[in-house]
Amino acid sequence: MNAATNQPPVLPNRLGQLSWAGQPELNVVPDQTYKIEIEQLIASNILAEERKQSRAKVIRDAFEKDPLHQAFTYMCALLKPPVPYQKWVQARAVSDGSPDSVTNLKFTIQTAAGLLAVVVDPRQAFIFEDGSNPRILAQSDIGPLCEHVLKKTGVGLLGYLAAMRDRK
């Protein structure tokens, strides 16, 4: 604030026009030119690209350190042909219903090929087409999967999943 006028500072923007606090003044624009005007306004933000890159780096770093993302990326790489993993959509508890059954988490994941499901149990991990007649597309012994996740994140996958499953 300008102490003398109690107004926001008036600064020249990169086009040499005056603007309040570095942003162009608001103007009413016709519908026909609205899209172009908005794109020009966005382009005039000299920090936009830096902020975009910063957000992308934060997301990449979080992705690299997340045990679930690493596990799902590994499982998608086992598919023939390998399919890029994008994100996980939901998780829910599942069991086979037998008295000695262990409850596991079933994850629905988004891949470049569409939705798939992943279940990790203490012995194996499966990636499959979900639905009324699920079909296993790939599976892995738990050892190599856990080694991959531990190497990438420093976190034990089975402990992480157990804590996630046991949350109330």
N, C-alpha and C. Protein backbone atom coordinates (compact mmCIF):
# COMPACT_ATOMS: atom_id res chain seq x y z
N MET A 1 0.84 -1.19 0.00
CA MET A 1 0.00 0.00 0.00
C MET A 1 0.88 1.24 0.00
N ASN A 2 0.44 2.22 -0.72
CA ASN A 2 1.08 3.52 -0.71
C ASN A 2 0.61 4.25 0.54
N ALA A 3 1.55 4.56 1.44
CA ALA A 3 1.18 5.18 2.71
C ALA A 3 0.52 6.53 2.52
N ALA A 4 0.92 7.27 1.50
CA ALA A 4 0.37 8.61 1.29
C ALA A 4 -1.06 8.56 0.78
N THR A 5 -1.35 7.61 -0.12
CA THR A 5 -2.69 7.58 -0.74
C THR A 5 -3.56 6.44 -0.22
N ASN A 6 -2.96 5.52 0.55
CA ASN A 6 -3.67 4.34 1.04
C ASN A 6 -4.26 3.51 -0.11
N GLN A 7 -3.52 3.45 -1.23
CA GLN A 7 -3.93 2.72 -2.42
C GLN A 7 -2.87 1.66 -2.75
N PRO A 8 -3.27 0.61 -3.45
CA PRO A 8 -2.26 -0.37 -3.89
C PRO A 8 -1.26 0.32 -4.81
N PRO A 9 -0.04 -0.19 -4.89
CA PRO A 9 0.95 0.44 -5.76
C PRO A 9 0.57 0.31 -7.22
N VAL A 10 0.87 1.33 -7.97
CA VAL A 10 0.65 1.31 -9.41
C VAL A 10 1.99 0.97 -10.05
N LEU A 11 2.01 -0.14 -10.76
CA LEU A 11 3.25 -0.62 -11.36
C LEU A 11 3.07 -0.78 -12.85
N PRO A 12 4.11 -0.49 -13.65
CA PRO A 12 3.99 -0.77 -15.08
C PRO A 12 4.11 -2.27 -15.32
N ASN A 13 3.23 -2.80 -16.17
CA ASN A 13 3.38 -4.21 -16.51
C ASN A 13 4.35 -4.33 -17.67
N ARG A 14 4.60 -5.53 -18.16
CA ARG A 14 5.64 -5.70 -19.19
C ARG A 14 5.25 -5.08 -20.52
N LEU A 15 4.00 -4.72 -20.68
CA LEU A 15 3.56 -4.06 -21.91
C LEU A 15 3.66 -2.54 -21.78
N GLY A 16 4.11 -2.07 -20.62
CA GLY A 16 4.26 -0.64 -20.42
C GLY A 16 2.98 0.04 -19.96
N GLN A 17 1.91 -0.72 -19.78
CA GLN A 17 0.66 -0.12 -19.32
C GLN A 17 0.66 -0.11 -17.80
N LEU A 18 -0.12 0.79 -17.22
CA LEU A 18 -0.23 0.82 -15.77
C LEU A 18 -1.18 -0.27 -15.31
N SER A 19 -0.85 -0.87 -14.18
CA SER A 19 -1.72 -1.88 -13.61
C SER A 19 -1.61 -1.82 -12.10
N TRP A 20 -2.63 -2.31 -11.42
CA TRP A 20 -2.62 -2.36 -9.96
C TRP A 20 -1.93 -3.64 -9.53
N ALA A 21 -0.96 -3.51 -8.64
CA ALA A 21 -0.23 -4.65 -8.09
C ALA A 21 0.29 -5.60 -9.17
N GLY A 22 0.70 -5.03 -10.31
CA GLY A 22 1.30 -5.84 -11.35
C GLY A 22 0.33 -6.55 -12.28
N GLN A 23 -0.97 -6.40 -12.07
CA GLN A 23 -1.95 -7.06 -12.93
C GLN A 23 -2.71 -6.01 -13.73
N PRO A 24 -3.01 -6.30 -14.99
CA PRO A 24 -3.77 -5.34 -15.79
C PRO A 24 -5.14 -5.08 -15.14
N GLU A 25 -5.63 -3.87 -15.36
CA GLU A 25 -6.95 -3.54 -14.84
C GLU A 25 -8.00 -4.39 -15.53
N LEU A 26 -9.09 -4.64 -14.82
CA LEU A 26 -10.17 -5.42 -15.39
C LEU A 26 -10.94 -4.57 -16.39
N ASN A 27 -11.26 -5.17 -17.50
CA ASN A 27 -12.03 -4.51 -18.55
C ASN A 27 -13.14 -5.44 -19.00
N VAL A 28 -14.24 -4.85 -19.42
CA VAL A 28 -15.30 -5.62 -20.04
C VAL A 28 -14.87 -5.86 -21.48
N VAL A 29 -14.90 -7.13 -21.90
CA VAL A 29 -14.50 -7.46 -23.27
C VAL A 29 -15.62 -8.22 -23.96
N PRO A 30 -15.74 -8.05 -25.25
CA PRO A 30 -16.78 -8.78 -25.98
C PRO A 30 -16.52 -10.28 -25.95
N ASP A 31 -17.58 -11.05 -26.05
CA ASP A 31 -17.47 -12.51 -26.04
C ASP A 31 -16.52 -13.02 -27.12
N GLN A 32 -16.50 -12.36 -28.27
CA GLN A 32 -15.69 -12.82 -29.39
C GLN A 32 -14.19 -12.76 -29.09
N THR A 33 -13.77 -11.83 -28.26
CA THR A 33 -12.33 -11.69 -27.98
C THR A 33 -11.95 -12.16 -26.58
N TYR A 34 -12.93 -12.67 -25.82
CA TYR A 34 -12.67 -13.06 -24.44
C TYR A 34 -11.53 -14.08 -24.32
N LYS A 35 -11.59 -15.13 -25.11
CA LYS A 35 -10.57 -16.18 -25.03
C LYS A 35 -9.18 -15.63 -25.31
N ILE A 36 -9.05 -14.84 -26.34
CA ILE A 36 -7.76 -14.25 -26.69
C ILE A 36 -7.27 -13.33 -25.58
N GLU A 37 -8.17 -12.52 -25.02
CA GLU A 37 -7.80 -11.59 -23.95
C GLU A 37 -7.32 -12.36 -22.71
N ILE A 38 -8.01 -13.42 -22.37
CA ILE A 38 -7.61 -14.21 -21.20
C ILE A 38 -6.26 -14.87 -21.44
N GLU A 39 -6.04 -15.41 -22.64
CA GLU A 39 -4.75 -16.02 -22.95
C GLU A 39 -3.63 -14.99 -22.89
N GLN A 40 -3.90 -13.77 -23.35
CA GLN A 40 -2.89 -12.71 -23.26
C GLN A 40 -2.62 -12.33 -21.81
N LEU A 41 -3.66 -12.28 -21.00
CA LEU A 41 -3.49 -11.98 -19.57
C LEU A 41 -2.63 -13.04 -18.90
N ILE A 42 -2.91 -14.29 -19.19
CA ILE A 42 -2.12 -15.38 -18.61
C ILE A 42 -0.67 -15.28 -19.08
N ALA A 43 -0.47 -15.04 -20.37
CA ALA A 43 0.88 -14.94 -20.92
C ALA A 43 1.65 -13.76 -20.33
N SER A 44 0.96 -12.72 -19.88
CA SER A 44 1.64 -11.55 -19.33
C SER A 44 2.17 -11.79 -17.92
N ASN A 45 1.79 -12.89 -17.29
CA ASN A 45 2.28 -13.20 -15.96
C ASN A 45 3.68 -13.79 -16.09
N ILE A 46 4.68 -12.99 -15.77
CA ILE A 46 6.07 -13.41 -15.97
C ILE A 46 6.49 -14.53 -15.03
N LEU A 47 5.73 -14.78 -13.98
CA LEU A 47 6.08 -15.85 -13.04
C LEU A 47 5.30 -17.15 -13.29
N ALA A 48 4.38 -17.12 -14.25
CA ALA A 48 3.51 -18.28 -14.47
C ALA A 48 4.30 -19.54 -14.81
N GLU A 49 5.25 -19.46 -15.73
CA GLU A 49 6.00 -20.66 -16.14
C GLU A 49 6.84 -21.19 -14.98
N GLU A 50 7.45 -20.28 -14.23
CA GLU A 50 8.24 -20.71 -13.07
C GLU A 50 7.37 -21.43 -12.05
N ARG A 51 6.17 -20.90 -11.78
CA ARG A 51 5.27 -21.54 -10.83
C ARG A 51 4.78 -22.89 -11.36
N LYS A 52 4.50 -22.95 -12.65
CA LYS A 52 4.05 -24.20 -13.26
C LYS A 52 5.13 -25.27 -13.12
N GLN A 53 6.38 -24.90 -13.40
CA GLN A 53 7.50 -25.84 -13.28
C GLN A 53 7.70 -26.27 -11.83
N SER A 54 7.54 -25.33 -10.90
CA SER A 54 7.69 -25.63 -9.48
C SER A 54 6.62 -26.63 -9.02
N ARG A 55 5.36 -26.40 -9.43
CA ARG A 55 4.28 -27.33 -9.07
C ARG A 55 4.53 -28.71 -9.67
N ALA A 56 5.00 -28.75 -10.91
CA ALA A 56 5.27 -30.03 -11.57
C ALA A 56 6.38 -30.78 -10.84
N LYS A 57 7.41 -30.07 -10.37
CA LYS A 57 8.49 -30.71 -9.63
C LYS A 57 7.99 -31.26 -8.30
N VAL A 58 7.15 -30.51 -7.59
CA VAL A 58 6.58 -30.99 -6.33
C VAL A 58 5.79 -32.28 -6.56
N ILE A 59 5.00 -32.30 -7.62
CA ILE A 59 4.20 -33.48 -7.94
C ILE A 59 5.10 -34.67 -8.30
N ARG A 60 6.14 -34.43 -9.12
CA ARG A 60 7.07 -35.51 -9.49
C ARG A 60 7.79 -36.06 -8.26
N ASP A 61 8.25 -35.15 -7.39
CA ASP A 61 8.95 -35.59 -6.19
C ASP A 61 8.03 -36.43 -5.29
N ALA A 62 6.79 -35.98 -5.13
CA ALA A 62 5.83 -36.73 -4.31
C ALA A 62 5.56 -38.09 -4.93
N PHE A 63 5.42 -38.13 -6.23
CA PHE A 63 5.20 -39.38 -6.96
C PHE A 63 6.36 -40.34 -6.73
N GLU A 64 7.58 -39.84 -6.83
CA GLU A 64 8.77 -40.68 -6.68
C GLU A 64 8.90 -41.25 -5.27
N LYS A 65 8.41 -40.55 -4.26
CA LYS A 65 8.55 -40.99 -2.87
C LYS A 65 7.32 -41.70 -2.33
N ASP A 66 6.28 -41.86 -3.11
CA ASP A 66 5.05 -42.49 -2.64
C ASP A 66 5.11 -44.00 -2.89
N PRO A 67 5.04 -44.81 -1.83
CA PRO A 67 5.14 -46.26 -2.00
C PRO A 67 4.07 -46.85 -2.92
N LEU A 68 2.85 -46.32 -2.84
CA LEU A 68 1.79 -46.86 -3.69
C LEU A 68 2.05 -46.56 -5.16
N HIS A 69 2.43 -45.35 -5.45
CA HIS A 69 2.71 -45.00 -6.85
C HIS A 69 3.85 -45.86 -7.40
N GLN A 70 4.87 -46.09 -6.59
CA GLN A 70 5.98 -46.92 -7.05
C GLN A 70 5.54 -48.37 -7.26
N ALA A 71 4.71 -48.88 -6.36
CA ALA A 71 4.22 -50.25 -6.51
C ALA A 71 3.36 -50.39 -7.76
N PHE A 72 2.49 -49.43 -8.00
CA PHE A 72 1.61 -49.51 -9.17
C PHE A 72 2.38 -49.32 -10.47
N THR A 73 3.38 -48.45 -10.46
CA THR A 73 4.23 -48.27 -11.63
C THR A 73 4.94 -49.59 -11.96
N TYR A 74 5.45 -50.26 -10.93
CA TYR A 74 6.12 -51.55 -11.10
C TYR A 74 5.16 -52.57 -11.70
N MET A 75 3.95 -52.65 -11.14
CA MET A 75 2.98 -53.64 -11.63
C MET A 75 2.58 -53.35 -13.08
N CYS A 76 2.41 -52.08 -13.42
CA CYS A 76 2.04 -51.73 -14.81
C CYS A 76 3.17 -52.07 -15.78
N ALA A 77 4.41 -52.02 -15.30
CA ALA A 77 5.55 -52.37 -16.15
C ALA A 77 5.59 -53.87 -16.45
N LEU A 78 4.90 -54.68 -15.65
CA LEU A 78 4.86 -56.12 -15.89
C LEU A 78 3.87 -56.51 -16.99
N LEU A 79 2.98 -55.61 -17.33
CA LEU A 79 1.98 -55.91 -18.35
C LEU A 79 2.65 -56.09 -19.71
N LYS A 80 2.03 -56.88 -20.55
CA LYS A 80 2.53 -57.11 -21.91
C LYS A 80 1.54 -56.53 -22.90
N PRO A 81 1.84 -55.43 -23.57
CA PRO A 81 3.00 -54.56 -23.38
C PRO A 81 2.84 -53.72 -22.11
N PRO A 82 3.95 -53.16 -21.60
CA PRO A 82 3.86 -52.30 -20.41
C PRO A 82 2.93 -51.11 -20.68
N VAL A 83 2.21 -50.72 -19.65
CA VAL A 83 1.25 -49.61 -19.76
C VAL A 83 1.62 -48.54 -18.74
N PRO A 84 1.68 -47.29 -19.14
CA PRO A 84 2.00 -46.23 -18.17
C PRO A 84 0.93 -46.10 -17.09
N TYR A 85 1.38 -46.08 -15.85
CA TYR A 85 0.50 -45.84 -14.70
C TYR A 85 0.28 -44.35 -14.57
N GLN A 86 -0.97 -43.94 -14.24
CA GLN A 86 -1.28 -42.53 -14.10
C GLN A 86 -1.61 -42.13 -12.66
N LYS A 87 -2.58 -42.79 -12.05
CA LYS A 87 -2.96 -42.45 -10.67
C LYS A 87 -3.83 -43.55 -10.10
N TRP A 88 -3.94 -43.56 -8.76
CA TRP A 88 -4.89 -44.50 -8.18
C TRP A 88 -6.16 -43.76 -7.85
N VAL A 89 -7.26 -44.47 -8.02
CA VAL A 89 -8.59 -43.87 -7.96
C VAL A 89 -9.28 -44.17 -6.63
N GLN A 90 -9.18 -45.42 -6.17
CA GLN A 90 -9.84 -45.79 -4.91
C GLN A 90 -9.18 -47.03 -4.34
N ALA A 91 -9.44 -47.23 -3.05
CA ALA A 91 -8.99 -48.44 -2.37
C ALA A 91 -10.13 -48.95 -1.51
N ARG A 92 -10.25 -50.27 -1.44
CA ARG A 92 -11.26 -50.85 -0.55
C ARG A 92 -10.77 -52.20 -0.07
N ALA A 93 -11.25 -52.58 1.10
CA ALA A 93 -10.86 -53.85 1.71
C ALA A 93 -11.56 -55.00 0.99
N VAL A 94 -10.81 -56.07 0.76
CA VAL A 94 -11.36 -57.28 0.14
C VAL A 94 -10.80 -58.50 0.84
N SER A 95 -11.58 -59.58 0.85
CA SER A 95 -11.10 -60.88 1.33
C SER A 95 -11.86 -61.94 0.56
N ASP A 96 -11.34 -63.17 0.63
CA ASP A 96 -12.00 -64.24 -0.12
C ASP A 96 -13.15 -64.88 0.66
N GLY A 97 -13.38 -64.42 1.88
CA GLY A 97 -14.52 -64.90 2.66
C GLY A 97 -14.26 -66.12 3.50
N SER A 98 -13.11 -66.77 3.35
CA SER A 98 -12.83 -67.95 4.16
C SER A 98 -12.48 -67.53 5.59
N PRO A 99 -12.65 -68.42 6.58
CA PRO A 99 -12.40 -68.06 7.98
C PRO A 99 -10.96 -67.61 8.24
N ASP A 100 -9.98 -68.18 7.53
CA ASP A 100 -8.58 -67.80 7.75
C ASP A 100 -8.10 -66.75 6.74
N SER A 101 -9.02 -66.12 6.07
CA SER A 101 -8.69 -65.15 5.04
C SER A 101 -8.08 -63.88 5.63
N VAL A 102 -7.11 -63.35 4.93
CA VAL A 102 -6.52 -62.07 5.29
C VAL A 102 -7.22 -60.99 4.46
N THR A 103 -7.59 -59.91 5.12
CA THR A 103 -8.19 -58.80 4.39
C THR A 103 -7.07 -57.99 3.73
N ASN A 104 -7.19 -57.78 2.44
CA ASN A 104 -6.22 -56.98 1.68
C ASN A 104 -6.92 -55.75 1.13
N LEU A 105 -6.13 -54.85 0.60
CA LEU A 105 -6.70 -53.70 -0.07
C LEU A 105 -6.67 -53.94 -1.58
N LYS A 106 -7.77 -53.61 -2.21
CA LYS A 106 -7.85 -53.67 -3.67
C LYS A 106 -7.87 -52.23 -4.15
N PHE A 107 -6.93 -51.89 -5.01
CA PHE A 107 -6.81 -50.54 -5.54
C PHE A 107 -7.30 -50.51 -6.97
N THR A 108 -8.12 -49.55 -7.27
CA THR A 108 -8.49 -49.26 -8.65
C THR A 108 -7.53 -48.18 -9.12
N ILE A 109 -6.85 -48.45 -10.24
CA ILE A 109 -5.87 -47.50 -10.75
C ILE A 109 -6.21 -47.08 -12.17
N GLN A 110 -5.83 -45.86 -12.49
CA GLN A 110 -5.99 -45.34 -13.85
C GLN A 110 -4.68 -45.54 -14.58
N THR A 111 -4.74 -46.16 -15.75
CA THR A 111 -3.56 -46.34 -16.59
C THR A 111 -3.86 -45.72 -17.95
N ALA A 112 -2.85 -45.67 -18.79
CA ALA A 112 -3.05 -45.18 -20.15
C ALA A 112 -4.03 -46.07 -20.92
N ALA A 113 -4.20 -47.32 -20.47
CA ALA A 113 -5.11 -48.26 -21.14
C ALA A 113 -6.49 -48.30 -20.48
N GLY A 114 -6.71 -47.52 -19.43
CA GLY A 114 -7.99 -47.53 -18.74
C GLY A 114 -7.84 -47.98 -17.29
N LEU A 115 -8.98 -48.29 -16.67
CA LEU A 115 -8.98 -48.69 -15.27
C LEU A 115 -8.56 -50.15 -15.11
N LEU A 116 -7.69 -50.40 -14.14
CA LEU A 116 -7.29 -51.75 -13.77
C LEU A 116 -7.34 -51.84 -12.24
N ALA A 117 -7.15 -53.03 -11.71
CA ALA A 117 -7.15 -53.21 -10.26
C ALA A 117 -5.85 -53.90 -9.84
N VAL A 118 -5.40 -53.57 -8.63
CA VAL A 118 -4.20 -54.16 -8.06
C VAL A 118 -4.52 -54.63 -6.65
N VAL A 119 -4.11 -55.86 -6.34
CA VAL A 119 -4.19 -56.39 -4.97
C VAL A 119 -2.80 -56.89 -4.61
N VAL A 120 -2.35 -56.48 -3.42
CA VAL A 120 -1.07 -56.94 -2.89
C VAL A 120 -1.37 -57.73 -1.63
N ASP A 121 -0.96 -59.01 -1.62
CA ASP A 121 -1.11 -59.79 -0.39
C ASP A 121 0.30 -60.12 0.12
N PRO A 122 0.42 -60.77 1.25
CA PRO A 122 1.76 -61.01 1.81
C PRO A 122 2.67 -61.89 0.96
N ARG A 123 2.15 -62.56 -0.05
CA ARG A 123 2.96 -63.43 -0.89
C ARG A 123 3.11 -62.94 -2.32
N GLN A 124 2.06 -62.32 -2.86
CA GLN A 124 2.06 -61.94 -4.28
C GLN A 124 1.29 -60.65 -4.48
N ALA A 125 1.51 -60.08 -5.65
CA ALA A 125 0.73 -58.93 -6.08
C ALA A 125 0.15 -59.25 -7.46
N PHE A 126 -1.07 -58.79 -7.69
CA PHE A 126 -1.77 -59.07 -8.94
C PHE A 126 -2.27 -57.76 -9.54
N ILE A 127 -2.22 -57.66 -10.85
CA ILE A 127 -2.87 -56.57 -11.56
C ILE A 127 -3.85 -57.23 -12.51
N PHE A 128 -5.08 -56.75 -12.52
CA PHE A 128 -6.11 -57.45 -13.29
C PHE A 128 -7.18 -56.49 -13.79
N GLU A 129 -7.90 -56.99 -14.79
CA GLU A 129 -9.10 -56.29 -15.25
C GLU A 129 -10.17 -56.53 -14.21
N ASP A 130 -10.79 -55.48 -13.78
CA ASP A 130 -11.81 -55.60 -12.75
C ASP A 130 -13.16 -55.82 -13.41
N GLY A 131 -14.11 -56.27 -12.63
CA GLY A 131 -15.46 -56.46 -13.14
C GLY A 131 -16.04 -57.75 -12.63
N SER A 132 -17.12 -58.18 -13.26
CA SER A 132 -17.80 -59.38 -12.78
C SER A 132 -16.98 -60.65 -13.05
N ASN A 133 -16.11 -60.60 -14.04
CA ASN A 133 -15.26 -61.75 -14.36
C ASN A 133 -13.81 -61.27 -14.46
N PRO A 134 -13.16 -61.00 -13.30
CA PRO A 134 -11.80 -60.44 -13.35
C PRO A 134 -10.80 -61.39 -14.00
N ARG A 135 -9.90 -60.80 -14.77
CA ARG A 135 -8.87 -61.59 -15.46
C ARG A 135 -7.50 -61.05 -15.05
N ILE A 136 -6.66 -61.93 -14.48
CA ILE A 136 -5.32 -61.52 -14.06
C ILE A 136 -4.48 -61.25 -15.31
N LEU A 137 -3.88 -60.05 -15.34
CA LEU A 137 -3.05 -59.65 -16.47
C LEU A 137 -1.56 -59.88 -16.19
N ALA A 138 -1.18 -59.73 -14.91
CA ALA A 138 0.22 -59.95 -14.51
C ALA A 138 0.25 -60.16 -13.00
N GLN A 139 1.30 -60.82 -12.55
CA GLN A 139 1.47 -61.00 -11.11
C GLN A 139 2.95 -61.00 -10.80
N SER A 140 3.26 -60.74 -9.54
CA SER A 140 4.65 -60.70 -9.09
C SER A 140 4.74 -61.31 -7.71
N ASP A 141 5.83 -62.04 -7.46
CA ASP A 141 6.11 -62.42 -6.08
C ASP A 141 6.32 -61.14 -5.31
N ILE A 142 6.05 -61.18 -4.03
CA ILE A 142 6.08 -59.97 -3.23
C ILE A 142 7.51 -59.43 -3.05
N GLY A 143 8.51 -60.32 -3.04
CA GLY A 143 9.90 -59.90 -2.80
C GLY A 143 10.40 -58.82 -3.75
N PRO A 144 10.37 -59.07 -5.06
CA PRO A 144 10.88 -58.06 -6.00
C PRO A 144 10.09 -56.74 -5.93
N LEU A 145 8.79 -56.84 -5.74
CA LEU A 145 7.97 -55.62 -5.64
C LEU A 145 8.37 -54.81 -4.41
N CYS A 146 8.50 -55.48 -3.26
CA CYS A 146 8.88 -54.78 -2.03
C CYS A 146 10.29 -54.20 -2.13
N GLU A 147 11.21 -54.93 -2.78
CA GLU A 147 12.57 -54.41 -2.97
C GLU A 147 12.55 -53.15 -3.81
N HIS A 148 11.75 -53.14 -4.87
CA HIS A 148 11.64 -51.96 -5.74
C HIS A 148 11.12 -50.76 -4.95
N VAL A 149 10.06 -50.97 -4.20
CA VAL A 149 9.45 -49.86 -3.44
C VAL A 149 10.42 -49.36 -2.37
N LEU A 150 11.08 -50.26 -1.68
CA LEU A 150 12.04 -49.86 -0.65
C LEU A 150 13.20 -49.07 -1.24
N LYS A 151 13.70 -49.54 -2.37
CA LYS A 151 14.82 -48.85 -3.04
C LYS A 151 14.40 -47.45 -3.48
N LYS A 152 13.21 -47.30 -4.01
CA LYS A 152 12.75 -46.01 -4.54
C LYS A 152 12.31 -45.04 -3.45
N THR A 153 11.74 -45.56 -2.35
CA THR A 153 11.10 -44.67 -1.37
C THR A 153 11.69 -44.75 0.03
N GLY A 154 12.39 -45.85 0.33
CA GLY A 154 12.87 -46.05 1.69
C GLY A 154 11.79 -46.55 2.64
N VAL A 155 10.65 -46.95 2.10
CA VAL A 155 9.50 -47.38 2.91
C VAL A 155 9.17 -48.83 2.57
N GLY A 156 8.89 -49.62 3.61
CA GLY A 156 8.46 -51.00 3.41
C GLY A 156 7.01 -51.04 2.96
N LEU A 157 6.76 -51.68 1.83
CA LEU A 157 5.43 -51.69 1.24
C LEU A 157 4.41 -52.42 2.10
N LEU A 158 4.73 -53.60 2.60
CA LEU A 158 3.74 -54.36 3.37
C LEU A 158 3.35 -53.65 4.66
N GLY A 159 4.30 -53.04 5.34
CA GLY A 159 3.98 -52.26 6.54
C GLY A 159 3.12 -51.06 6.22
N TYR A 160 3.44 -50.41 5.11
CA TYR A 160 2.66 -49.25 4.67
C TYR A 160 1.22 -49.66 4.37
N LEU A 161 1.05 -50.77 3.66
CA LEU A 161 -0.30 -51.24 3.33
C LEU A 161 -1.06 -51.68 4.57
N ALA A 162 -0.37 -52.35 5.52
CA ALA A 162 -1.01 -52.79 6.76
C ALA A 162 -1.51 -51.58 7.55
N ALA A 163 -0.70 -50.55 7.63
CA ALA A 163 -1.12 -49.34 8.35
C ALA A 163 -2.30 -48.68 7.65
N MET A 164 -2.28 -48.69 6.35
CA MET A 164 -3.38 -48.10 5.58
C MET A 164 -4.67 -48.92 5.77
N ARG A 165 -4.54 -50.24 5.73
CA ARG A 165 -5.69 -51.13 5.89
C ARG A 165 -6.29 -51.04 7.28
N ASP A 166 -5.43 -50.88 8.29
CA ASP A 166 -5.89 -50.89 9.68
C ASP A 166 -6.40 -49.55 10.19
N ARG A 167 -6.29 -48.51 9.37
CA ARG A 167 -6.85 -47.21 9.78
C ARG A 167 -8.33 -47.34 9.97
N LYS A 168 -8.81 -46.75 10.99
CA LYS A 168 -10.26 -46.80 11.26
C LYS A 168 -10.90 -45.49 10.88
